[in-house]
Protein backbone atom coordinates (compact mmCIF):
# COMPACT_ATOMS: atom_id res chain seq x y z
CA MET A 1 146.90 4.35 196.12
CA SER A 2 145.05 3.35 192.95
CA ASP A 3 146.53 1.16 190.34
CA HIS A 4 147.35 2.51 186.86
CA ASN A 5 145.01 -0.09 185.53
CA ASP A 6 142.05 1.94 186.77
CA LEU A 7 142.75 4.64 184.01
CA PRO A 8 141.15 3.97 180.58
CA SER A 9 143.63 3.13 177.94
CA PRO A 10 143.89 5.60 175.08
CA SER A 11 142.26 3.14 172.66
CA GLU A 12 139.13 2.77 174.94
CA ALA A 13 136.37 5.26 174.06
CA PRO A 14 135.17 7.40 177.03
CA PRO A 15 131.65 7.12 178.27
CA SER A 16 129.38 9.28 176.08
CA GLY A 17 129.59 12.98 176.70
CA LEU A 18 132.74 12.91 178.74
CA PRO A 19 136.15 13.81 177.58
CA ALA A 20 138.88 11.28 177.36
CA LEU A 21 141.20 11.11 180.35
CA VAL A 22 144.85 11.24 179.54
CA PRO A 23 147.35 11.16 182.32
CA PRO A 24 149.85 14.11 182.34
CA LEU A 25 153.25 13.32 180.97
CA VAL A 26 155.71 13.18 183.80
CA THR A 27 159.23 12.01 183.65
CA MET A 28 160.50 9.91 186.58
CA VAL A 29 163.97 10.40 187.76
CA GLU A 30 165.07 8.10 190.60
CA GLU A 31 161.52 7.66 191.72
CA HIS A 32 160.88 11.48 191.95
CA PRO A 33 158.63 13.18 189.38
CA VAL A 34 160.21 15.97 187.22
CA GLU A 35 158.01 18.70 186.16
CA PRO A 36 157.81 19.60 182.49
CA ASP A 37 160.14 22.37 181.29
CA VAL A 38 158.78 25.70 182.38
CA PRO A 39 159.21 28.30 179.62
CA SER A 40 161.74 31.00 180.37
CA GLY A 41 160.82 34.58 180.55
CA ALA A 42 162.56 35.22 177.11
CA SER A 43 160.59 32.39 175.56
CA ARG A 44 157.31 33.68 176.98
CA ALA A 45 158.28 37.10 175.64
CA MET A 46 159.00 35.67 172.21
CA TRP A 47 155.61 33.80 172.01
CA SER A 48 153.87 37.05 173.05
CA VAL A 49 155.60 39.03 170.42
CA LEU A 50 154.72 36.30 167.80
CA ASP A 51 151.10 36.53 168.74
CA ARG A 52 150.92 40.25 168.33
CA LEU A 53 152.96 40.28 165.12
CA GLU A 54 150.71 37.62 163.52
CA GLN A 55 147.64 39.66 164.58
CA ALA A 56 149.08 42.77 162.95
CA LEU A 57 149.94 40.94 159.80
CA ASP A 58 146.57 39.34 159.55
CA HIS A 59 144.90 42.72 160.09
CA GLU A 60 146.97 44.49 157.47
CA THR A 61 146.55 41.73 154.81
CA ALA A 62 142.88 41.56 155.46
CA GLU A 63 142.54 45.23 154.90
CA LEU A 64 144.66 45.09 151.64
CA MET A 65 142.75 42.13 150.31
CA ALA A 66 139.37 43.77 151.11
CA LEU A 67 140.50 46.89 149.31
CA ARG A 68 139.72 49.03 152.47
CA SER A 69 141.44 52.09 153.37
CA ALA A 70 143.46 51.78 156.54
CA ASP A 71 146.26 53.72 158.30
CA PHE A 72 149.06 51.74 156.67
CA ASN A 73 151.70 54.11 158.09
CA ARG A 74 150.53 53.22 161.60
CA LEU A 75 150.39 49.46 160.72
CA ASN A 76 153.98 49.70 159.39
CA GLU A 77 155.15 51.30 162.56
CA ILE A 78 153.48 48.53 164.56
CA LYS A 79 155.13 45.80 162.46
CA SER A 80 158.56 47.48 162.71
CA ARG A 81 158.25 47.71 166.43
CA LEU A 82 157.07 44.10 166.74
CA LEU A 83 159.95 42.97 164.45
CA LEU A 84 162.42 44.78 166.76
CA ASP A 85 160.93 43.26 169.81
CA ALA A 86 161.16 39.69 168.20
CA SER A 87 164.80 40.43 167.43
CA ARG A 88 165.46 41.31 170.99
CA ALA A 89 163.53 38.33 172.36
CA MET A 90 165.45 36.04 169.97
CA ARG A 91 168.76 37.49 171.17
CA ALA A 92 167.58 36.89 174.80
CA MET A 93 166.85 33.20 173.90
CA ARG A 94 170.19 32.58 172.19
CA ASP A 95 171.42 30.21 174.93
CA GLU A 96 168.23 28.21 175.05
CA VAL A 97 167.46 25.22 172.85
CA ALA A 98 164.90 25.92 170.23
CA ASP A 99 161.89 23.55 170.55
CA GLY A 100 159.92 22.29 167.57
CA ARG A 101 156.91 24.34 168.48
CA LEU A 102 158.86 27.60 168.12
CA ILE A 103 160.35 26.46 164.75
CA ALA A 104 156.94 25.62 163.46
CA ARG A 105 155.46 28.89 164.70
CA LEU A 106 158.33 30.83 162.93
CA SER A 107 157.59 28.82 159.73
CA THR A 108 153.92 30.01 160.07
CA LEU A 109 155.07 33.54 160.57
CA ARG A 110 157.19 33.34 157.48
CA LEU A 111 154.35 32.26 155.37
CA LYS A 112 152.15 35.03 156.76
CA LEU A 113 154.92 37.63 156.03
CA GLU A 114 155.12 36.29 152.40
CA HIS A 115 151.37 36.60 151.99
CA ASN A 116 151.51 40.11 153.38
CA ARG A 117 154.38 40.97 151.08
CA LEU A 118 152.39 39.71 148.11
CA ALA A 119 149.27 41.74 148.99
CA ILE A 120 151.43 44.93 149.45
CA GLY A 121 153.12 44.37 146.19
CA MET A 122 149.85 43.90 144.39
CA HIS A 123 148.65 47.31 145.69
CA LEU A 124 152.05 49.03 144.92
CA ASP A 125 151.69 47.75 141.27
CA ALA A 126 148.31 49.12 141.16
CA VAL A 127 149.46 52.53 142.43
CA ARG A 128 152.35 52.53 139.85
CA GLU A 129 149.76 51.88 137.02
CA ILE A 130 147.40 54.55 138.22
CA ALA A 131 150.22 57.01 138.57
CA SER A 132 151.47 56.27 135.05
CA ALA A 133 147.99 56.69 133.58
CA MET A 134 147.60 59.99 135.45
CA THR A 135 151.00 61.17 134.24
CA SER A 136 150.27 60.43 130.74
CA THR A 137 146.93 62.14 130.88
CA LEU A 138 148.44 65.28 132.51
CA ILE A 139 151.14 65.37 129.80
CA ASP A 140 148.64 65.08 127.05
CA ALA A 141 146.49 67.75 128.51
CA GLU A 142 149.29 70.30 128.90
CA SER A 143 150.81 69.57 125.52
CA ASP A 144 149.46 71.49 122.37
CA GLY A 145 150.73 68.57 120.24
CA THR A 146 153.56 70.53 118.46
CA TYR A 147 156.28 68.16 119.59
CA SER A 148 154.44 64.85 119.61
CA ALA A 149 155.17 62.11 117.10
CA ASN A 150 151.38 61.66 116.35
CA SER A 151 150.99 65.41 115.50
CA ARG A 152 153.89 65.27 113.03
CA ILE A 153 152.30 62.36 111.19
CA ALA A 154 148.92 63.92 111.18
CA GLY A 155 150.40 67.21 110.01
CA ALA A 156 152.25 65.41 107.05
CA ARG A 157 148.90 63.85 106.04
CA ASN A 158 147.08 67.19 106.03
CA ALA A 159 149.85 68.80 104.03
CA LYS A 160 149.76 66.02 101.47
CA ALA A 161 145.90 66.25 101.24
CA GLN A 162 146.13 70.07 100.82
CA ALA A 163 148.76 69.70 98.04
CA SER A 164 146.68 67.32 95.91
């Protein structure tokens, strides 16, 4: 058996061009190595769902920010299905202890959801503004001006000008 002193210490630089060698972390219990925790099926499912959800959010946000047309109904269906899958995976994991990596990943997801919400809100505000402008234009085009406030003022001015 080789001695542990044969391994380079973390402070020593590896020879040029070679990666640093770091021994795997193994816990010893009564002189028997214990393998690191293997993620459960529910945990693996949760990570998979989070990967797909982040990809969908990134895609939709990129489309919105680039002002490109996309099938937003389909993207919404995908996000809804993935959020349902995440909810189911979380329920399956309820007896497991949450690790720091998962909590950090959920924080990242929260930020991406907020960014996506802001991009959607920006587009909804633009749609409302355009709809309002179109509504005003249609009302003005269909009206003969009889009942508008501007036409009464203009009519009163014309009447005064003719009376003088």
